[in-house]
Amino acid sequence: MGLLPITEKGKPVTCQVDWPLFYMNDFSRMGIVVTRLDDAVIALKNSGCAIHENEQGCFLDISGEKQLHQAVQALSACHLEYEMADLVSCAYQG
């Protein structure tokens, strides 16, 4: 089982708790970046996707290709913009 973070484009990435304190170009954390997080979570839940929400953010529960394909279909069916992205590159390390 794996948890794929879901974050809203233009908003701070909230799932950084499990990231290393310092990193260079050798660290990556893939996730789904959506334009409307609340609508995306509703669409995913309505399609039967398992979503976990906590203080670290929203996560899609995936155990394989089937769950990822189901999530992509749900977002597409609701005309929600999304992309798979490296969330590390979406966050600034100062």
C-alpha atoms as a PDB file:
ATOM      1  CA  MET A   1       0.000   0.000   0.000  1.00  0.00           C
ATOM      2  CA  GLY A   2       1.209   3.493  -0.812  1.00  0.00           C
ATOM      3  CA  LEU A   3      -0.067   6.979  -0.165  1.00  0.00           C
ATOM      4  CA  LEU A   4       0.203   9.484  -2.997  1.00  0.00           C
ATOM      5  CA  PRO A   5      -0.053  13.109  -1.805  1.00  0.00           C
ATOM      6  CA  ILE A   6      -2.655  15.363  -3.426  1.00  0.00           C
ATOM      7  CA  THR A   7      -1.970  19.086  -3.290  1.00  0.00           C
ATOM      8  CA  GLU A   8      -3.508  22.226  -4.766  1.00  0.00           C
ATOM      9  CA  LYS A   9      -1.569  24.142  -7.384  1.00  0.00           C
ATOM     10  CA  GLY A  10      -0.207  27.421  -6.057  1.00  0.00           C
ATOM     11  CA  LYS A  11      -0.712  26.461  -2.400  1.00  0.00           C
ATOM     12  CA  PRO A  12       2.048  25.422   0.022  1.00  0.00           C
ATOM     13  CA  VAL A  13       2.915  21.730  -0.059  1.00  0.00           C
ATOM     14  CA  THR A  14       1.816  20.355   3.324  1.00  0.00           C
ATOM     15  CA  CYS A  15       3.192  16.808   3.242  1.00  0.00           C
ATOM     16  CA  GLN A  16       6.787  17.803   3.989  1.00  0.00           C
ATOM     17  CA  VAL A  17       6.894  16.218   7.466  1.00  0.00           C
ATOM     18  CA  ASP A  18       8.426  12.988   6.153  1.00  0.00           C
ATOM     19  CA  TRP A  19      10.990  14.756   3.941  1.00  0.00           C
ATOM     20  CA  PRO A  20      14.660  14.935   4.918  1.00  0.00           C
ATOM     21  CA  LEU A  21      15.686  18.126   6.700  1.00  0.00           C
ATOM     22  CA  PHE A  22      18.240  18.948   3.996  1.00  0.00           C
ATOM     23  CA  TYR A  23      18.382  17.525   0.493  1.00  0.00           C
ATOM     24  CA  MET A  24      19.972  18.237  -2.848  1.00  0.00           C
ATOM     25  CA  ASN A  25      18.819  16.994  -6.252  1.00  0.00           C
ATOM     26  CA  ASP A  26      18.745  13.376  -5.097  1.00  0.00           C
ATOM     27  CA  PHE A  27      15.329  13.487  -3.409  1.00  0.00           C
ATOM     28  CA  SER A  28      11.921  13.335  -5.061  1.00  0.00           C
ATOM     29  CA  ARG A  29       8.327  12.939  -3.847  1.00  0.00           C
ATOM     30  CA  MET A  30       5.733  12.354  -6.542  1.00  0.00           C
ATOM     31  CA  GLY A  31       2.182  13.521  -6.043  1.00  0.00           C
ATOM     32  CA  ILE A  32      -0.929  14.750  -7.796  1.00  0.00           C
ATOM     33  CA  VAL A  33      -1.258  18.515  -8.196  1.00  0.00           C
ATOM     34  CA  VAL A  34      -4.830  19.696  -8.823  1.00  0.00           C
ATOM     35  CA  THR A  35      -6.349  23.112  -9.466  1.00  0.00           C
ATOM     36  CA  ARG A  36      -9.292  22.640  -7.064  1.00  0.00           C
ATOM     37  CA  LEU A  37      -8.410  20.391  -4.140  1.00  0.00           C
ATOM     38  CA  ASP A  38     -11.843  20.230  -2.492  1.00  0.00           C
ATOM     39  CA  ASP A  39     -13.554  19.291  -5.764  1.00  0.00           C
ATOM     40  CA  ALA A  40     -10.844  16.737  -6.551  1.00  0.00           C
ATOM     41  CA  VAL A  41     -11.231  15.041  -3.157  1.00  0.00           C
ATOM     42  CA  ILE A  42     -15.019  14.849  -3.604  1.00  0.00           C
ATOM     43  CA  ALA A  43     -14.646  13.406  -7.125  1.00  0.00           C
ATOM     44  CA  LEU A  44     -12.137  10.826  -5.944  1.00  0.00           C
ATOM     45  CA  LYS A  45     -14.248   9.756  -2.962  1.00  0.00           C
ATOM     46  CA  ASN A  46     -17.386   9.535  -5.140  1.00  0.00           C
ATOM     47  CA  SER A  47     -15.546   7.226  -7.546  1.00  0.00           C
ATOM     48  CA  GLY A  48     -14.604   4.868  -4.727  1.00  0.00           C
ATOM     49  CA  CYS A  49     -11.005   5.968  -4.253  1.00  0.00           C
ATOM     50  CA  ALA A  50      -9.664   5.733  -0.714  1.00  0.00           C
ATOM     51  CA  ILE A  51      -8.602   9.179   0.489  1.00  0.00           C
ATOM     52  CA  HIS A  52      -6.815   9.841   3.768  1.00  0.00           C
ATOM     53  CA  GLU A  53      -6.911  13.349   5.224  1.00  0.00           C
ATOM     54  CA  ASN A  54      -4.914  14.532   8.226  1.00  0.00           C
ATOM     55  CA  GLU A  55      -2.818  17.480   9.406  1.00  0.00           C
ATOM     56  CA  GLN A  56      -0.211  16.618   6.748  1.00  0.00           C
ATOM     57  CA  GLY A  57      -2.715  16.919   3.891  1.00  0.00           C
ATOM     58  CA  CYS A  58      -4.681  14.659   1.542  1.00  0.00           C
ATOM     59  CA  PHE A  59      -3.408  11.339   0.264  1.00  0.00           C
ATOM     60  CA  LEU A  60      -4.669   8.874  -2.327  1.00  0.00           C
ATOM     61  CA  ASP A  61      -4.344   5.266  -1.166  1.00  0.00           C
ATOM     62  CA  ILE A  62      -2.882   3.241  -4.025  1.00  0.00           C
ATOM     63  CA  SER A  63      -1.696  -0.324  -4.148  1.00  0.00           C
ATOM     64  CA  GLY A  64      -1.174  -0.537  -7.868  1.00  0.00           C
ATOM     65  CA  GLU A  65      -1.946   0.667 -11.344  1.00  0.00           C
ATOM     66  CA  LYS A  66      -5.683   0.038 -10.980  1.00  0.00           C
ATOM     67  CA  GLN A  67      -6.148   2.633  -8.228  1.00  0.00           C
ATOM     68  CA  LEU A  68      -4.079   5.220 -10.071  1.00  0.00           C
ATOM     69  CA  HIS A  69      -6.048   4.648 -13.270  1.00  0.00           C
ATOM     70  CA  GLN A  70      -9.324   4.947 -11.312  1.00  0.00           C
ATOM     71  CA  ALA A  71      -8.189   8.279  -9.833  1.00  0.00           C
ATOM     72  CA  VAL A  72      -7.178   9.689 -13.220  1.00  0.00           C
ATOM     73  CA  GLN A  73     -10.526   8.655 -14.718  1.00  0.00           C
ATOM     74  CA  ALA A  74     -12.430  10.275 -11.828  1.00  0.00           C
ATOM     75  CA  LEU A  75     -10.579  13.582 -12.174  1.00  0.00           C
ATOM     76  CA  SER A  76     -10.967  13.574 -15.964  1.00  0.00           C
ATOM     77  CA  ALA A  77     -14.682  12.728 -15.788  1.00  0.00           C
ATOM     78  CA  CYS A  78     -15.244  15.789 -13.576  1.00  0.00           C
ATOM     79  CA  HIS A  79     -13.166  17.995 -15.887  1.00  0.00           C
ATOM     80  CA  LEU A  80     -10.669  18.728 -13.116  1.00  0.00           C
ATOM     81  CA  GLU A  81      -7.180  19.795 -14.139  1.00  0.00           C
ATOM     82  CA  TYR A  82      -4.412  17.673 -12.614  1.00  0.00           C
ATOM     83  CA  GLU A  83      -0.839  16.632 -13.193  1.00  0.00           C
ATOM     84  CA  MET A  84       1.614  14.180 -11.723  1.00  0.00           C
ATOM     85  CA  ALA A  85       4.503  16.245 -10.400  1.00  0.00           C
ATOM     86  CA  ASP A  86       7.556  16.122  -8.206  1.00  0.00           C
ATOM     87  CA  LEU A  87       6.289  17.902  -5.083  1.00  0.00           C
ATOM     88  CA  VAL A  88       9.847  18.682  -3.990  1.00  0.00           C
ATOM     89  CA  SER A  89      10.197  20.995  -6.980  1.00  0.00           C
ATOM     90  CA  CYS A  90       6.899  22.649  -5.925  1.00  0.00           C
ATOM     91  CA  ALA A  91       8.339  23.564  -2.502  1.00  0.00           C
ATOM     92  CA  TYR A  92      11.068  26.034  -1.723  1.00  0.00           C
ATOM     93  CA  GLN A  93      13.931  25.004   0.524  1.00  0.00           C
ATOM     94  CA  GLY A  94      15.487  28.158   1.968  1.00  0.00           C
END
